Amino acid sequence: MLDALAESESESGDSGTNNAAAPAPVVDIGESLGAAFLNQSESRDGAILDVNIDVVAVLGTADLKVSQILQLGRGAVVELDRLIGEPVDLRAERQLIAKGEVVVVEDRLAIQLTEVIKN
């Protein structure tokens, strides 16, 4: 049935276009927000700079099956994809922003940056 409809449209010269709106173009939000930020006045920049963002240090990752996760218990060891001494990733809202080494500062873990990623 669809083939017959397509044939009749091609014979009549109707390409199947209608008055429906075309799909919206894909916009890279990161670029748009960055461009908008650069065009703002200094007073508005301050408000953006005060927004809190979650920052996460990624020591490494592992691929596990659900069955393996369900078997995990106290004392289990999960091997990660990083070697000893490799830098850890520092991510802000899942975006890689820096790499660094794990250090201890007053009984707390911290990351000493060795590389800042510029996007």
PDB file of N, CA and C in Angstrom:
ATOM      1  N   MET A   1       0.823  -1.181   0.000  1.00  0.00           N
ATOM      2  CA  MET A   1       0.000   0.000   0.000  1.00  0.00           C
ATOM      3  C   MET A   1       0.872   1.250   0.000  1.00  0.00           C
ATOM      4  N   LEU A   2       1.932   1.278   0.824  1.00  0.00           N
ATOM      5  CA  LEU A   2       2.828   2.428   0.855  1.00  0.00           C
ATOM      6  C   LEU A   2       3.540   2.601  -0.473  1.00  0.00           C
ATOM      7  N   ASP A   3       3.895   1.472  -1.128  1.00  0.00           N
ATOM      8  CA  ASP A   3       4.548   1.558  -2.432  1.00  0.00           C
ATOM      9  C   ASP A   3       3.624   2.209  -3.447  1.00  0.00           C
ATOM     10  N   ALA A   4       2.337   1.850  -3.429  1.00  0.00           N
ATOM     11  CA  ALA A   4       1.371   2.427  -4.356  1.00  0.00           C
ATOM     12  C   ALA A   4       1.230   3.918  -4.115  1.00  0.00           C
ATOM     13  N   LEU A   5       1.212   4.339  -2.863  1.00  0.00           N
ATOM     14  CA  LEU A   5       1.112   5.757  -2.525  1.00  0.00           C
ATOM     15  C   LEU A   5       2.335   6.508  -3.015  1.00  0.00           C
ATOM     16  N   ALA A   6       3.514   5.943  -2.821  1.00  0.00           N
ATOM     17  CA  ALA A   6       4.746   6.579  -3.272  1.00  0.00           C
ATOM     18  C   ALA A   6       4.764   6.700  -4.786  1.00  0.00           C
ATOM     19  N   GLU A   7       4.267   5.642  -5.504  1.00  0.00           N
ATOM     20  CA  GLU A   7       4.222   5.689  -6.961  1.00  0.00           C
ATOM     21  C   GLU A   7       3.281   6.768  -7.439  1.00  0.00           C
ATOM     22  N   SER A   8       2.096   6.880  -6.829  1.00  0.00           N
ATOM     23  CA  SER A   8       1.131   7.884  -7.271  1.00  0.00           C
ATOM     24  C   SER A   8       1.649   9.286  -7.012  1.00  0.00           C
ATOM     25  N   GLU A   9       2.402   9.480  -5.922  1.00  0.00           N
ATOM     26  CA  GLU A   9       2.973  10.792  -5.635  1.00  0.00           C
ATOM     27  C   GLU A   9       4.048  11.143  -6.647  1.00  0.00           C
ATOM     28  N   SER A  10       4.877  10.160  -7.030  1.00  0.00           N
ATOM     29  CA  SER A  10       5.941  10.449  -7.986  1.00  0.00           C
ATOM     30  C   SER A  10       5.366  10.716  -9.366  1.00  0.00           C
ATOM     31  N   GLU A  11       4.257  10.034  -9.725  1.00  0.00           N
ATOM     32  CA  GLU A  11       3.623  10.269 -11.016  1.00  0.00           C
ATOM     33  C   GLU A  11       2.955  11.626 -11.057  1.00  0.00           C
ATOM     34  N   SER A  12       2.372  12.060  -9.938  1.00  0.00           N
ATOM     35  CA  SER A  12       1.668  13.338  -9.918  1.00  0.00           C
ATOM     36  C   SER A  12       2.611  14.503  -9.695  1.00  0.00           C
ATOM     37  N   GLY A  13       3.885  14.210  -9.434  1.00  0.00           N
ATOM     38  CA  GLY A  13       4.853  15.276  -9.213  1.00  0.00           C
ATOM     39  C   GLY A  13       4.880  15.763  -7.787  1.00  0.00           C
ATOM     40  N   ASP A  14       4.055  15.192  -6.920  1.00  0.00           N
ATOM     41  CA  ASP A  14       4.050  15.577  -5.505  1.00  0.00           C
ATOM     42  C   ASP A  14       5.169  14.826  -4.811  1.00  0.00           C
ATOM     43  N   SER A  15       6.127  15.532  -4.271  1.00  0.00           N
ATOM     44  CA  SER A  15       7.277  14.878  -3.640  1.00  0.00           C
ATOM     45  C   SER A  15       7.000  14.467  -2.213  1.00  0.00           C
ATOM     46  N   GLY A  16       5.785  14.646  -1.776  1.00  0.00           N
ATOM     47  CA  GLY A  16       5.457  14.242  -0.419  1.00  0.00           C
ATOM     48  C   GLY A  16       5.683  15.357   0.582  1.00  0.00           C
ATOM     49  N   THR A  17       6.071  16.534   0.115  1.00  0.00           N
ATOM     50  CA  THR A  17       6.267  17.639   1.045  1.00  0.00           C
ATOM     51  C   THR A  17       4.921  18.174   1.452  1.00  0.00           C
ATOM     52  N   ASN A  18       4.843  18.635   2.671  1.00  0.00           N
ATOM     53  CA  ASN A  18       3.609  19.230   3.152  1.00  0.00           C
ATOM     54  C   ASN A  18       3.955  20.476   3.937  1.00  0.00           C
ATOM     55  N   ASN A  19       2.981  21.047   4.567  1.00  0.00           N
ATOM     56  CA  ASN A  19       3.191  22.289   5.302  1.00  0.00           C
ATOM     57  C   ASN A  19       3.741  22.058   6.700  1.00  0.00           C
ATOM     58  N   ALA A  20       4.083  20.825   7.046  1.00  0.00           N
ATOM     59  CA  ALA A  20       4.626  20.541   8.379  1.00  0.00           C
ATOM     60  C   ALA A  20       5.997  21.197   8.515  1.00  0.00           C
ATOM     61  N   ALA A  21       6.280  21.652   9.702  1.00  0.00           N
ATOM     62  CA  ALA A  21       7.557  22.326   9.952  1.00  0.00           C
ATOM     63  C   ALA A  21       8.706  21.341   9.821  1.00  0.00           C
ATOM     64  N   ALA A  22       9.821  21.832   9.285  1.00  0.00           N
ATOM     65  CA  ALA A  22      11.025  21.010   9.174  1.00  0.00           C
ATOM     66  C   ALA A  22      11.594  20.786  10.563  1.00  0.00           C
ATOM     67  N   PRO A  23      12.336  19.688  10.763  1.00  0.00           N
ATOM     68  CA  PRO A  23      12.921  19.453  12.083  1.00  0.00           C
ATOM     69  C   PRO A  23      13.847  20.595  12.483  1.00  0.00           C
ATOM     70  N   ALA A  24      13.859  20.893  13.752  1.00  0.00           N
ATOM     71  CA  ALA A  24      14.708  21.977  14.255  1.00  0.00           C
ATOM     72  C   ALA A  24      16.169  21.605  14.076  1.00  0.00           C
ATOM     73  N   PRO A  25      17.017  22.579  13.741  1.00  0.00           N
ATOM     74  CA  PRO A  25      18.444  22.279  13.597  1.00  0.00           C
ATOM     75  C   PRO A  25      19.055  21.898  14.935  1.00  0.00           C
ATOM     76  N   VAL A  26      20.069  21.052  14.888  1.00  0.00           N
ATOM     77  CA  VAL A  26      20.766  20.642  16.100  1.00  0.00           C
ATOM     78  C   VAL A  26      21.681  21.774  16.526  1.00  0.00           C
ATOM     79  N   VAL A  27      21.599  22.151  17.786  1.00  0.00           N
ATOM     80  CA  VAL A  27      22.409  23.246  18.311  1.00  0.00           C
ATOM     81  C   VAL A  27      23.337  22.693  19.373  1.00  0.00           C
ATOM     82  N   ASP A  28      24.596  23.034  19.291  1.00  0.00           N
ATOM     83  CA  ASP A  28      25.569  22.643  20.313  1.00  0.00           C
ATOM     84  C   ASP A  28      25.405  23.597  21.482  1.00  0.00           C
ATOM     85  N   ILE A  29      24.759  23.130  22.544  1.00  0.00           N
ATOM     86  CA  ILE A  29      24.452  23.991  23.681  1.00  0.00           C
ATOM     87  C   ILE A  29      25.717  24.547  24.309  1.00  0.00           C
ATOM     88  N   GLY A  30      26.769  23.751  24.396  1.00  0.00           N
ATOM     89  CA  GLY A  30      28.020  24.225  24.984  1.00  0.00           C
ATOM     90  C   GLY A  30      28.544  25.449  24.259  1.00  0.00           C
ATOM     91  N   GLU A  31      28.534  25.409  22.929  1.00  0.00           N
ATOM     92  CA  GLU A  31      29.004  26.552  22.160  1.00  0.00           C
ATOM     93  C   GLU A  31      28.061  27.729  22.335  1.00  0.00           C
ATOM     94  N   SER A  32      26.767  27.480  22.310  1.00  0.00           N
ATOM     95  CA  SER A  32      25.805  28.565  22.434  1.00  0.00           C
ATOM     96  C   SER A  32      25.911  29.247  23.788  1.00  0.00           C
ATOM     97  N   LEU A  33      26.002  28.462  24.863  1.00  0.00           N
ATOM     98  CA  LEU A  33      26.122  29.052  26.192  1.00  0.00           C
ATOM     99  C   LEU A  33      27.427  29.816  26.332  1.00  0.00           C
ATOM    100  N   GLY A  34      28.505  29.265  25.774  1.00  0.00           N
ATOM    101  CA  GLY A  34      29.792  29.949  25.837  1.00  0.00           C
ATOM    102  C   GLY A  34      29.744  31.275  25.108  1.00  0.00           C
ATOM    103  N   ALA A  35      29.145  31.281  23.922  1.00  0.00           N
ATOM    104  CA  ALA A  35      29.044  32.519  23.155  1.00  0.00           C
ATOM    105  C   ALA A  35      28.163  33.525  23.886  1.00  0.00           C
ATOM    106  N   ALA A  36      27.067  33.051  24.457  1.00  0.00           N
ATOM    107  CA  ALA A  36      26.184  33.954  25.193  1.00  0.00           C
ATOM    108  C   ALA A  36      26.897  34.523  26.410  1.00  0.00           C
ATOM    109  N   PHE A  37      27.663  33.678  27.093  1.00  0.00           N
ATOM    110  CA  PHE A  37      28.384  34.126  28.279  1.00  0.00           C
ATOM    111  C   PHE A  37      29.374  35.225  27.930  1.00  0.00           C
ATOM    112  N   LEU A  38      30.082  35.073  26.828  1.00  0.00           N
ATOM    113  CA  LEU A  38      31.083  36.063  26.439  1.00  0.00           C
ATOM    114  C   LEU A  38      30.459  37.400  26.054  1.00  0.00           C
ATOM    115  N   ASN A  39      29.187  37.400  25.665  1.00  0.00           N
ATOM    116  CA  ASN A  39      28.532  38.633  25.238  1.00  0.00           C
ATOM    117  C   ASN A  39      27.778  39.335  26.357  1.00  0.00           C
ATOM    118  N   GLN A  40      27.827  38.828  27.568  1.00  0.00           N
ATOM    119  CA  GLN A  40      27.092  39.417  28.680  1.00  0.00           C
ATOM    120  C   GLN A  40      27.896  40.529  29.336  1.00  0.00           C
ATOM    121  N   SER A  41      27.192  41.398  30.049  1.00  0.00           N
ATOM    122  CA  SER A  41      27.869  42.470  30.784  1.00  0.00           C
ATOM    123  C   SER A  41      28.538  41.887  32.024  1.00  0.00           C
ATOM    124  N   GLU A  42      29.447  42.640  32.622  1.00  0.00           N
ATOM    125  CA  GLU A  42      30.178  42.146  33.795  1.00  0.00           C
ATOM    126  C   GLU A  42      29.245  41.827  34.947  1.00  0.00           C
ATOM    127  N   SER A  43      28.192  42.597  35.139  1.00  0.00           N
ATOM    128  CA  SER A  43      27.289  42.355  36.268  1.00  0.00           C
ATOM    129  C   SER A  43      26.577  41.007  36.121  1.00  0.00           C
ATOM    130  N   ARG A  44      26.258  40.607  34.901  1.00  0.00           N
ATOM    131  CA  ARG A  44      25.592  39.322  34.695  1.00  0.00           C
ATOM    132  C   ARG A  44      26.593  38.181  34.748  1.00  0.00           C
ATOM    133  N   ASP A  45      27.844  38.423  34.391  1.00  0.00           N
ATOM    134  CA  ASP A  45      28.868  37.380  34.460  1.00  0.00           C
ATOM    135  C   ASP A  45      29.032  36.887  35.886  1.00  0.00           C
ATOM    136  N   GLY A  46      28.983  37.786  36.847  1.00  0.00           N
ATOM    137  CA  GLY A  46      29.159  37.419  38.244  1.00  0.00           C
ATOM    138  C   GLY A  46      28.132  36.407  38.705  1.00  0.00           C
ATOM    139  N   ALA A  47      26.899  36.539  38.248  1.00  0.00           N
ATOM    140  CA  ALA A  47      25.843  35.605  38.641  1.00  0.00           C
ATOM    141  C   ALA A  47      26.146  34.204  38.127  1.00  0.00           C
ATOM    142  N   ILE A  48      26.633  34.102  36.926  1.00  0.00           N
ATOM    143  CA  ILE A  48      26.959  32.792  36.361  1.00  0.00           C
ATOM    144  C   ILE A  48      28.141  32.176  37.091  1.00  0.00           C
ATOM    145  N   LEU A  49      29.104  32.996  37.456  1.00  0.00           N
ATOM    146  CA  LEU A  49      30.299  32.485  38.115  1.00  0.00           C
ATOM    147  C   LEU A  49      30.015  31.959  39.517  1.00  0.00           C
ATOM    148  N   ASP A  50      28.872  32.294  40.103  1.00  0.00           N
ATOM    149  CA  ASP A  50      28.516  31.840  41.443  1.00  0.00           C
ATOM    150  C   ASP A  50      27.707  30.539  41.448  1.00  0.00           C
ATOM    151  N   VAL A  51      27.438  29.959  40.290  1.00  0.00           N
ATOM    152  CA  VAL A  51      26.663  28.721  40.203  1.00  0.00           C
ATOM    153  C   VAL A  51      27.538  27.541  40.633  1.00  0.00           C
ATOM    154  N   ASN A  52      26.999  26.677  41.502  1.00  0.00           N
ATOM    155  CA  ASN A  52      27.722  25.477  41.944  1.00  0.00           C
ATOM    156  C   ASN A  52      27.614  24.380  40.891  1.00  0.00           C
ATOM    157  N   ILE A  53      28.721  23.695  40.658  1.00  0.00           N
ATOM    158  CA  ILE A  53      28.772  22.589  39.705  1.00  0.00           C
ATOM    159  C   ILE A  53      29.429  21.404  40.404  1.00  0.00           C
ATOM    160  N   ASP A  54      28.857  20.207  40.224  1.00  0.00           N
ATOM    161  CA  ASP A  54      29.455  18.999  40.794  1.00  0.00           C
ATOM    162  C   ASP A  54      30.749  18.672  40.061  1.00  0.00           C
ATOM    163  N   VAL A  55      31.807  18.463  40.818  1.00  0.00           N
ATOM    164  CA  VAL A  55      33.102  18.066  40.269  1.00  0.00           C
ATOM    165  C   VAL A  55      33.426  16.686  40.825  1.00  0.00           C
ATOM    166  N   VAL A  56      33.816  15.761  39.940  1.00  0.00           N
ATOM    167  CA  VAL A  56      34.059  14.375  40.316  1.00  0.00           C
ATOM    168  C   VAL A  56      35.457  13.972  39.870  1.00  0.00           C
ATOM    169  N   ALA A  57      36.184  13.290  40.750  1.00  0.00           N
ATOM    170  CA  ALA A  57      37.482  12.723  40.394  1.00  0.00           C
ATOM    171  C   ALA A  57      37.264  11.254  40.051  1.00  0.00           C
ATOM    172  N   VAL A  58      37.648  10.862  38.848  1.00  0.00           N
ATOM    173  CA  VAL A  58      37.451   9.490  38.388  1.00  0.00           C
ATOM    174  C   VAL A  58      38.776   8.746  38.496  1.00  0.00           C
ATOM    175  N   LEU A  59      38.842   7.843  39.452  1.00  0.00           N
ATOM    176  CA  LEU A  59      40.044   7.047  39.693  1.00  0.00           C
ATOM    177  C   LEU A  59      40.243   6.014  38.592  1.00  0.00           C
ATOM    178  N   GLY A  60      39.157   5.511  38.052  1.00  0.00           N
ATOM    179  CA  GLY A  60      39.201   4.518  36.987  1.00  0.00           C
ATOM    180  C   GLY A  60      37.813   3.971  36.753  1.00  0.00           C
ATOM    181  N   THR A  61      37.680   3.119  35.757  1.00  0.00           N
ATOM    182  CA  THR A  61      36.385   2.519  35.459  1.00  0.00           C
ATOM    183  C   THR A  61      36.548   1.015  35.281  1.00  0.00           C
ATOM    184  N   ALA A  62      35.438   0.308  35.348  1.00  0.00           N
ATOM    185  CA  ALA A  62      35.425  -1.137  35.135  1.00  0.00           C
ATOM    186  C   ALA A  62      34.129  -1.509  34.436  1.00  0.00           C
ATOM    187  N   ASP A  63      34.197  -2.462  33.530  1.00  0.00           N
ATOM    188  CA  ASP A  63      33.012  -3.009  32.874  1.00  0.00           C
ATOM    189  C   ASP A  63      32.610  -4.276  33.605  1.00  0.00           C
ATOM    190  N   LEU A  64      31.437  -4.262  34.202  1.00  0.00           N
ATOM    191  CA  LEU A  64      30.948  -5.435  34.927  1.00  0.00           C
ATOM    192  C   LEU A  64      29.581  -5.828  34.400  1.00  0.00           C
ATOM    193  N   LYS A  65      29.321  -7.117  34.381  1.00  0.00           N
ATOM    194  CA  LYS A  65      27.993  -7.614  34.052  1.00  0.00           C
ATOM    195  C   LYS A  65      27.115  -7.450  35.280  1.00  0.00           C
ATOM    196  N   VAL A  66      25.820  -7.396  35.069  1.00  0.00           N
ATOM    197  CA  VAL A  66      24.880  -7.275  36.182  1.00  0.00           C
ATOM    198  C   VAL A  66      25.082  -8.425  37.157  1.00  0.00           C
ATOM    199  N   SER A  67      25.315  -9.619  36.638  1.00  0.00           N
ATOM    200  CA  SER A  67      25.512 -10.778  37.523  1.00  0.00           C
ATOM    201  C   SER A  67      26.741 -10.584  38.415  1.00  0.00           C
ATOM    202  N   GLN A  68      27.795  -9.949  37.880  1.00  0.00           N
ATOM    203  CA  GLN A  68      28.991  -9.688  38.680  1.00  0.00           C
ATOM    204  C   GLN A  68      28.704  -8.641  39.760  1.00  0.00           C
ATOM    205  N   ILE A  69      27.938  -7.624  39.403  1.00  0.00           N
ATOM    206  CA  ILE A  69      27.596  -6.582  40.378  1.00  0.00           C
ATOM    207  C   ILE A  69      26.777  -7.173  41.519  1.00  0.00           C
ATOM    208  N   LEU A  70      25.850  -8.069  41.185  1.00  0.00           N
ATOM    209  CA  LEU A  70      25.004  -8.682  42.208  1.00  0.00           C
ATOM    210  C   LEU A  70      25.795  -9.574  43.155  1.00  0.00           C
ATOM    211  N   GLN A  71      26.961 -10.055  42.730  1.00  0.00           N
ATOM    212  CA  GLN A  71      27.790 -10.910  43.575  1.00  0.00           C
ATOM    213  C   GLN A  71      28.745 -10.111  44.458  1.00  0.00           C
ATOM    214  N   LEU A  72      28.844  -8.802  44.256  1.00  0.00           N
ATOM    215  CA  LEU A  72      29.768  -7.991  45.049  1.00  0.00           C
ATOM    216  C   LEU A  72      29.340  -7.959  46.507  1.00  0.00           C
ATOM    217  N   GLY A  73      30.299  -8.003  47.376  1.00  0.00           N
ATOM    218  CA  GLY A  73      30.034  -7.919  48.804  1.00  0.00           C
ATOM    219  C   GLY A  73      31.236  -7.317  49.500  1.00  0.00           C
ATOM    220  N   ARG A  74      31.138  -7.206  50.796  1.00  0.00           N
ATOM    221  CA  ARG A  74      32.236  -6.645  51.589  1.00  0.00           C
ATOM    222  C   ARG A  74      33.522  -7.426  51.317  1.00  0.00           C
ATOM    223  N   GLY A  75      34.592  -6.704  51.030  1.00  0.00           N
ATOM    224  CA  GLY A  75      35.880  -7.325  50.763  1.00  0.00           C
ATOM    225  C   GLY A  75      36.127  -7.643  49.293  1.00  0.00           C
ATOM    226  N   ALA A  76      35.107  -7.482  48.455  1.00  0.00           N
ATOM    227  CA  ALA A  76      35.286  -7.743  47.022  1.00  0.00           C
ATOM    228  C   ALA A  76      36.248  -6.715  46.432  1.00  0.00           C
ATOM    229  N   VAL A  77      36.992  -7.121  45.436  1.00  0.00           N
ATOM    230  CA  VAL A  77      37.941  -6.233  44.761  1.00  0.00           C
ATOM    231  C   VAL A  77      37.480  -6.046  43.322  1.00  0.00           C
ATOM    232  N   VAL A  78      37.327  -4.797  42.911  1.00  0.00           N
ATOM    233  CA  VAL A  78      36.955  -4.466  41.538  1.00  0.00           C
ATOM    234  C   VAL A  78      38.178  -3.844  40.875  1.00  0.00           C
ATOM    235  N   GLU A  79      38.701  -4.518  39.853  1.00  0.00           N
ATOM    236  CA  GLU A  79      39.876  -4.013  39.147  1.00  0.00           C
ATOM    237  C   GLU A  79      39.460  -2.896  38.196  1.00  0.00           C
ATOM    238  N   LEU A  80      40.219  -1.798  38.243  1.00  0.00           N
ATOM    239  CA  LEU A  80      39.937  -0.643  37.396  1.00  0.00           C
ATOM    240  C   LEU A  80      40.867  -0.635  36.190  1.00  0.00           C
ATOM    241  N   ASP A  81      40.551   0.208  35.225  1.00  0.00           N
ATOM    242  CA  ASP A  81      41.314   0.256  33.978  1.00  0.00           C
ATOM    243  C   ASP A  81      42.576   1.120  34.052  1.00  0.00           C
ATOM    244  N   ARG A  82      42.873   1.709  35.188  1.00  0.00           N
ATOM    245  CA  ARG A  82      44.046   2.578  35.326  1.00  0.00           C
ATOM    246  C   ARG A  82      45.177   1.853  36.037  1.00  0.00           C
ATOM    247  N   LEU A  83      46.397   2.210  35.662  1.00  0.00           N
ATOM    248  CA  LEU A  83      47.581   1.671  36.326  1.00  0.00           C
ATOM    249  C   LEU A  83      47.973   2.577  37.484  1.00  0.00           C
ATOM    250  N   ILE A  84      48.743   2.053  38.421  1.00  0.00           N
ATOM    251  CA  ILE A  84      49.249   2.861  39.530  1.00  0.00           C
ATOM    252  C   ILE A  84      50.092   3.984  38.949  1.00  0.00           C
ATOM    253  N   GLY A  85      49.884   5.183  39.444  1.00  0.00           N
ATOM    254  CA  GLY A  85      50.656   6.333  38.984  1.00  0.00           C
ATOM    255  C   GLY A  85      50.043   7.075  37.810  1.00  0.00           C
ATOM    256  N   GLU A  86      49.044   6.474  37.150  1.00  0.00           N
ATOM    257  CA  GLU A  86      48.375   7.185  36.054  1.00  0.00           C
ATOM    258  C   GLU A  86      47.535   8.313  36.634  1.00  0.00           C
ATOM    259  N   PRO A  87      47.435   9.430  35.921  1.00  0.00           N
ATOM    260  CA  PRO A  87      46.616  10.526  36.431  1.00  0.00           C
ATOM    261  C   PRO A  87      45.133  10.158  36.458  1.00  0.00           C
ATOM    262  N   VAL A  88      44.408  10.768  37.388  1.00  0.00           N
ATOM    263  CA  VAL A  88      42.963  10.584  37.464  1.00  0.00           C
ATOM    264  C   VAL A  88      42.297  11.731  36.710  1.00  0.00           C
ATOM    265  N   ASP A  89      41.071  11.499  36.260  1.00  0.00           N
ATOM    266  CA  ASP A  89      40.319  12.528  35.545  1.00  0.00           C
ATOM    267  C   ASP A  89      39.525  13.365  36.531  1.00  0.00           C
ATOM    268  N   LEU A  90      39.500  14.652  36.313  1.00  0.00           N
ATOM    269  CA  LEU A  90      38.652  15.559  37.077  1.00  0.00           C
ATOM    270  C   LEU A  90      37.576  16.042  36.117  1.00  0.00           C
ATOM    271  N   ARG A  91      36.320  15.781  36.461  1.00  0.00           N
ATOM    272  CA  ARG A  91      35.200  16.104  35.568  1.00  0.00           C
ATOM    273  C   ARG A  91      34.217  17.043  36.253  1.00  0.00           C
ATOM    274  N   ALA A  92      33.735  18.010  35.489  1.00  0.00           N
ATOM    275  CA  ALA A  92      32.682  18.920  35.943  1.00  0.00           C
ATOM    276  C   ALA A  92      31.464  18.643  35.077  1.00  0.00           C
ATOM    277  N   GLU A  93      30.391  18.177  35.712  1.00  0.00           N
ATOM    278  CA  GLU A  93      29.180  17.809  34.974  1.00  0.00           C
ATOM    279  C   GLU A  93      29.520  16.884  33.800  1.00  0.00           C
ATOM    280  N   ARG A  94      30.320  15.868  34.060  1.00  0.00           N
ATOM    281  CA  ARG A  94      30.730  14.816  33.115  1.00  0.00           C
ATOM    282  C   ARG A  94      31.722  15.286  32.055  1.00  0.00           C
ATOM    283  N   GLN A  95      32.059  16.559  32.040  1.00  0.00           N
ATOM    284  CA  GLN A  95      33.015  17.102  31.066  1.00  0.00           C
ATOM    285  C   GLN A  95      34.418  17.060  31.660  1.00  0.00           C
ATOM    286  N   LEU A  96      35.372  16.467  30.948  1.00  0.00           N
ATOM    287  CA  LEU A  96      36.752  16.402  31.419  1.00  0.00           C
ATOM    288  C   LEU A  96      37.331  17.812  31.460  1.00  0.00           C
ATOM    289  N   ILE A  97      37.793  18.243  32.651  1.00  0.00           N
ATOM    290  CA  ILE A  97      38.352  19.590  32.781  1.00  0.00           C
ATOM    291  C   ILE A  97      39.822  19.575  33.165  1.00  0.00           C
ATOM    292  N   ALA A  98      40.292  18.472  33.765  1.00  0.00           N
ATOM    293  CA  ALA A  98      41.694  18.412  34.189  1.00  0.00           C
ATOM    294  C   ALA A  98      42.081  16.977  34.500  1.00  0.00           C
ATOM    295  N   LYS A  99      43.393  16.769  34.636  1.00  0.00           N
ATOM    296  CA  LYS A  99      43.941  15.486  35.089  1.00  0.00           C
ATOM    297  C   LYS A  99      44.889  15.796  36.231  1.00  0.00           C
ATOM    298  N   GLY A 100      45.058  14.840  37.133  1.00  0.00           N
ATOM    299  CA  GLY A 100      45.930  15.096  38.261  1.00  0.00           C
ATOM    300  C   GLY A 100      46.282  13.851  39.041  1.00  0.00           C
ATOM    301  N   GLU A 101      47.025  14.078  40.120  1.00  0.00           N
ATOM    302  CA  GLU A 101      47.484  13.000  40.997  1.00  0.00           C
ATOM    303  C   GLU A 101      46.742  13.065  42.321  1.00  0.00           C
ATOM    304  N   VAL A 102      46.456  11.899  42.884  1.00  0.00           N
ATOM    305  CA  VAL A 102      45.793  11.834  44.187  1.00  0.00           C
ATOM    306  C   VAL A 102      46.819  12.187  45.263  1.00  0.00           C
ATOM    307  N   VAL A 103      46.452  13.129  46.142  1.00  0.00           N
ATOM    308  CA  VAL A 103      47.300  13.532  47.266  1.00  0.00           C
ATOM    309  C   VAL A 103      46.436  13.578  48.522  1.00  0.00           C
ATOM    310  N   VAL A 104      47.080  13.700  49.677  1.00  0.00           N
ATOM    311  CA  VAL A 104      46.360  13.825  50.947  1.00  0.00           C
ATOM    312  C   VAL A 104      46.593  15.222  51.492  1.00  0.00           C
ATOM    313  N   VAL A 105      45.493  15.895  51.858  1.00  0.00           N
ATOM    314  CA  VAL A 105      45.561  17.225  52.461  1.00  0.00           C
ATOM    315  C   VAL A 105      44.755  17.173  53.751  1.00  0.00           C
ATOM    316  N   GLU A 106      45.440  17.281  54.894  1.00  0.00           N
ATOM    317  CA  GLU A 106      44.787  17.269  56.211  1.00  0.00           C
ATOM    318  C   GLU A 106      43.784  16.122  56.353  1.00  0.00           C
ATOM    319  N   ASP A 107      44.213  14.906  56.186  1.00  0.00           N
ATOM    320  CA  ASP A 107      43.392  13.706  56.345  1.00  0.00           C
ATOM    321  C   ASP A 107      42.291  13.554  55.294  1.00  0.00           C
ATOM    322  N   ARG A 108      42.377  14.287  54.202  1.00  0.00           N
ATOM    323  CA  ARG A 108      41.385  14.165  53.129  1.00  0.00           C
ATOM    324  C   ARG A 108      42.090  13.927  51.807  1.00  0.00           C
ATOM    325  N   LEU A 109      41.431  13.188  50.935  1.00  0.00           N
ATOM    326  CA  LEU A 109      41.967  13.001  49.592  1.00  0.00           C
ATOM    327  C   LEU A 109      41.753  14.273  48.779  1.00  0.00           C
ATOM    328  N   ALA A 110      42.695  14.557  47.885  1.00  0.00           N
ATOM    329  CA  ALA A 110      42.600  15.724  47.012  1.00  0.00           C
ATOM    330  C   ALA A 110      43.268  15.373  45.688  1.00  0.00           C
ATOM    331  N   ILE A 111      43.089  16.215  44.702  1.00  0.00           N
ATOM    332  CA  ILE A 111      43.714  16.031  43.396  1.00  0.00           C
ATOM    333  C   ILE A 111      44.623  17.220  43.130  1.00  0.00           C
ATOM    334  N   GLN A 112      45.908  16.934  42.922  1.00  0.00           N
ATOM    335  CA  GLN A 112      46.853  17.980  42.523  1.00  0.00           C
ATOM    336  C   GLN A 112      46.893  17.960  40.999  1.00  0.00           C
ATOM    337  N   LEU A 113      46.481  19.056  40.371  1.00  0.00           N
ATOM    338  CA  LEU A 113      46.354  19.102  38.922  1.00  0.00           C
ATOM    339  C   LEU A 113      47.712  19.059  38.239  1.00  0.00           C
ATOM    340  N   THR A 114      47.784  18.219  37.219  1.00  0.00           N
ATOM    341  CA  THR A 114      48.995  18.122  36.406  1.00  0.00           C
ATOM    342  C   THR A 114      48.745  18.604  34.984  1.00  0.00           C
ATOM    343  N   GLU A 115      47.465  18.657  34.614  1.00  0.00           N
ATOM    344  CA  GLU A 115      47.101  19.087  33.260  1.00  0.00           C
ATOM    345  C   GLU A 115      45.700  19.677  33.299  1.00  0.00           C
ATOM    346  N   VAL A 116      45.534  20.845  32.700  1.00  0.00           N
ATOM    347  CA  VAL A 116      44.216  21.462  32.578  1.00  0.00           C
ATOM    348  C   VAL A 116      43.779  21.309  31.131  1.00  0.00           C
ATOM    349  N   ILE A 117      42.573  20.809  30.935  1.00  0.00           N
ATOM    350  CA  ILE A 117      42.041  20.572  29.595  1.00  0.00           C
ATOM    351  C   ILE A 117      41.291  21.816  29.148  1.00  0.00           C
ATOM    352  N   LYS A 118      41.696  22.365  28.017  1.00  0.00           N
ATOM    353  CA  LYS A 118      41.014  23.550  27.475  1.00  0.00           C
ATOM    354  C   LYS A 118      40.181  23.110  26.292  1.00  0.00           C
ATOM    355  N   ASN A 119      38.897  23.371  26.368  1.00  0.00           N
ATOM    356  CA  ASN A 119      37.978  22.975  25.286  1.00  0.00           C
ATOM    357  C   ASN A 119      37.764  24.113  24.341  1.00  0.00           C
TER     358      ASN A 119
END
